[in-house]
N, C-alpha and C. Protein backbone atom coordinates (compact mmCIF):
# COMPACT_ATOMS: atom_id res chain seq x y z
N GLU A 1 -6.91 2.42 -11.65
CA GLU A 1 -7.61 2.38 -10.38
C GLU A 1 -7.07 3.47 -9.45
N GLN A 2 -5.76 3.61 -9.39
CA GLN A 2 -5.15 4.63 -8.53
C GLN A 2 -5.62 6.03 -8.93
N ALA A 3 -5.65 6.29 -10.23
CA ALA A 3 -6.08 7.61 -10.70
C ALA A 3 -7.54 7.88 -10.36
N ARG A 4 -8.38 6.87 -10.47
CA ARG A 4 -9.79 7.01 -10.15
C ARG A 4 -9.98 7.29 -8.66
N LEU A 5 -9.28 6.53 -7.81
CA LEU A 5 -9.40 6.72 -6.37
C LEU A 5 -8.88 8.08 -5.92
N ARG A 6 -7.86 8.58 -6.61
CA ARG A 6 -7.27 9.87 -6.25
C ARG A 6 -8.29 11.01 -6.37
N GLN A 7 -9.29 10.83 -7.23
CA GLN A 7 -10.29 11.87 -7.45
C GLN A 7 -11.41 11.84 -6.42
N LYS A 8 -11.47 10.84 -5.58
CA LYS A 8 -12.54 10.71 -4.60
C LYS A 8 -12.33 11.64 -3.42
N ASP A 9 -13.42 12.08 -2.83
CA ASP A 9 -13.37 13.01 -1.70
C ASP A 9 -12.99 12.36 -0.38
N TRP A 10 -12.97 11.03 -0.30
CA TRP A 10 -12.70 10.37 0.98
C TRP A 10 -11.35 10.77 1.57
N GLN A 11 -10.40 11.13 0.72
CA GLN A 11 -9.07 11.50 1.22
C GLN A 11 -9.09 12.79 2.03
N ARG A 12 -10.10 13.62 1.83
CA ARG A 12 -10.20 14.88 2.57
C ARG A 12 -11.15 14.76 3.76
N SER A 13 -11.64 13.58 4.02
CA SER A 13 -12.56 13.34 5.13
C SER A 13 -11.84 13.54 6.47
N PRO A 14 -12.53 14.11 7.47
CA PRO A 14 -11.92 14.26 8.81
C PRO A 14 -11.49 12.92 9.42
N ASP A 15 -12.10 11.82 8.99
CA ASP A 15 -11.72 10.50 9.50
C ASP A 15 -10.27 10.16 9.17
N PHE A 16 -9.71 10.78 8.15
CA PHE A 16 -8.34 10.49 7.72
C PHE A 16 -7.35 11.54 8.22
N SER A 17 -7.79 12.47 9.04
CA SER A 17 -6.92 13.57 9.46
C SER A 17 -5.71 13.10 10.27
N GLY A 18 -5.81 11.99 11.00
CA GLY A 18 -4.69 11.49 11.79
C GLY A 18 -3.89 10.40 11.09
N LEU A 19 -4.26 10.08 9.87
CA LEU A 19 -3.58 9.01 9.14
C LEU A 19 -2.16 9.43 8.80
N GLU A 20 -1.18 8.63 9.22
CA GLU A 20 0.22 8.96 8.98
C GLU A 20 0.93 7.96 8.08
N ARG A 21 0.44 6.72 8.03
CA ARG A 21 1.10 5.69 7.24
C ARG A 21 0.07 4.78 6.58
N VAL A 22 0.43 4.30 5.39
CA VAL A 22 -0.38 3.30 4.70
C VAL A 22 0.56 2.18 4.27
N GLY A 23 0.02 0.99 4.10
CA GLY A 23 0.89 -0.13 3.74
C GLY A 23 0.24 -1.06 2.75
N GLY A 24 1.07 -1.89 2.17
CA GLY A 24 0.59 -2.89 1.24
C GLY A 24 1.52 -4.09 1.26
N VAL A 25 0.98 -5.20 0.82
CA VAL A 25 1.76 -6.44 0.79
C VAL A 25 1.46 -7.16 -0.52
N ASP A 26 2.46 -7.84 -1.05
CA ASP A 26 2.28 -8.64 -2.26
C ASP A 26 2.90 -10.01 -2.02
N LEU A 27 2.20 -11.02 -2.43
CA LEU A 27 2.69 -12.40 -2.34
C LEU A 27 2.59 -13.01 -3.73
N SER A 28 3.71 -13.43 -4.27
CA SER A 28 3.76 -14.00 -5.62
C SER A 28 4.38 -15.38 -5.57
N PHE A 29 3.63 -16.36 -6.04
CA PHE A 29 4.16 -17.71 -6.13
C PHE A 29 4.98 -17.86 -7.39
N ILE A 30 6.02 -18.64 -7.30
CA ILE A 30 6.86 -18.94 -8.44
C ILE A 30 6.05 -19.81 -9.39
N LYS A 31 6.09 -19.51 -10.67
CA LYS A 31 5.30 -20.23 -11.67
C LYS A 31 5.61 -21.72 -11.60
N GLY A 32 4.56 -22.51 -11.46
CA GLY A 32 4.70 -23.96 -11.40
C GLY A 32 5.07 -24.50 -10.03
N ASP A 33 5.17 -23.64 -9.02
CA ASP A 33 5.55 -24.04 -7.67
C ASP A 33 4.51 -23.51 -6.69
N ASP A 34 3.72 -24.42 -6.11
CA ASP A 34 2.66 -24.02 -5.19
C ASP A 34 3.14 -23.88 -3.74
N ILE A 35 4.42 -24.05 -3.50
CA ILE A 35 4.95 -24.00 -2.13
C ILE A 35 5.80 -22.75 -1.91
N ASN A 36 6.74 -22.48 -2.80
CA ASN A 36 7.65 -21.35 -2.63
C ASN A 36 7.04 -20.08 -3.21
N ALA A 37 7.25 -18.99 -2.48
CA ALA A 37 6.70 -17.71 -2.91
C ALA A 37 7.62 -16.58 -2.48
N CYS A 38 7.41 -15.43 -3.07
CA CYS A 38 8.13 -14.21 -2.70
C CYS A 38 7.11 -13.24 -2.10
N ALA A 39 7.45 -12.63 -0.99
CA ALA A 39 6.56 -11.67 -0.34
C ALA A 39 7.28 -10.34 -0.19
N HIS A 40 6.51 -9.27 -0.26
CA HIS A 40 7.07 -7.93 -0.07
C HIS A 40 6.06 -7.08 0.69
N LEU A 41 6.56 -6.36 1.66
CA LEU A 41 5.75 -5.45 2.47
C LEU A 41 6.34 -4.05 2.34
N VAL A 42 5.48 -3.08 2.16
CA VAL A 42 5.94 -1.69 2.12
C VAL A 42 4.99 -0.84 2.95
N VAL A 43 5.57 0.07 3.73
CA VAL A 43 4.81 1.04 4.52
C VAL A 43 5.25 2.42 4.04
N LEU A 44 4.28 3.25 3.68
CA LEU A 44 4.55 4.58 3.17
C LEU A 44 4.03 5.64 4.13
N THR A 45 4.69 6.79 4.14
CA THR A 45 4.15 7.92 4.90
C THR A 45 2.96 8.47 4.13
N TYR A 46 2.01 9.05 4.85
CA TYR A 46 0.84 9.61 4.20
C TYR A 46 0.68 11.04 4.67
N PRO A 47 0.47 11.99 3.81
CA PRO A 47 0.08 11.87 2.41
C PRO A 47 1.24 11.95 1.43
N HIS A 48 2.48 12.05 1.90
CA HIS A 48 3.63 12.25 1.00
C HIS A 48 4.02 11.01 0.21
N MET A 49 3.59 9.83 0.68
CA MET A 49 3.85 8.56 0.00
C MET A 49 5.34 8.29 -0.18
N LYS A 50 6.11 8.58 0.84
CA LYS A 50 7.54 8.25 0.87
C LYS A 50 7.70 6.91 1.59
N VAL A 51 8.64 6.10 1.14
CA VAL A 51 8.85 4.78 1.74
C VAL A 51 9.33 4.94 3.18
N HIS A 52 8.62 4.30 4.09
CA HIS A 52 8.97 4.31 5.52
C HIS A 52 9.66 2.99 5.88
N ILE A 53 9.07 1.88 5.45
CA ILE A 53 9.63 0.53 5.67
C ILE A 53 9.41 -0.27 4.40
N SER A 54 10.43 -1.01 4.00
CA SER A 54 10.32 -1.89 2.84
C SER A 54 11.10 -3.16 3.14
N THR A 55 10.43 -4.30 2.96
CA THR A 55 11.11 -5.58 3.21
C THR A 55 11.18 -6.39 1.94
């Protein structure tokens, strides 16, 4: 999916000219446990994709 999206022209759109950071979050529940989970947040610089914040 990442490779496919990388080929799209939207990244060169003027709408993204001021974009400086992108982020993502993951939430994973422990197998067999519907209450406890692990969460992770990461914020990357754009377009260099260097880690800015990671929790």
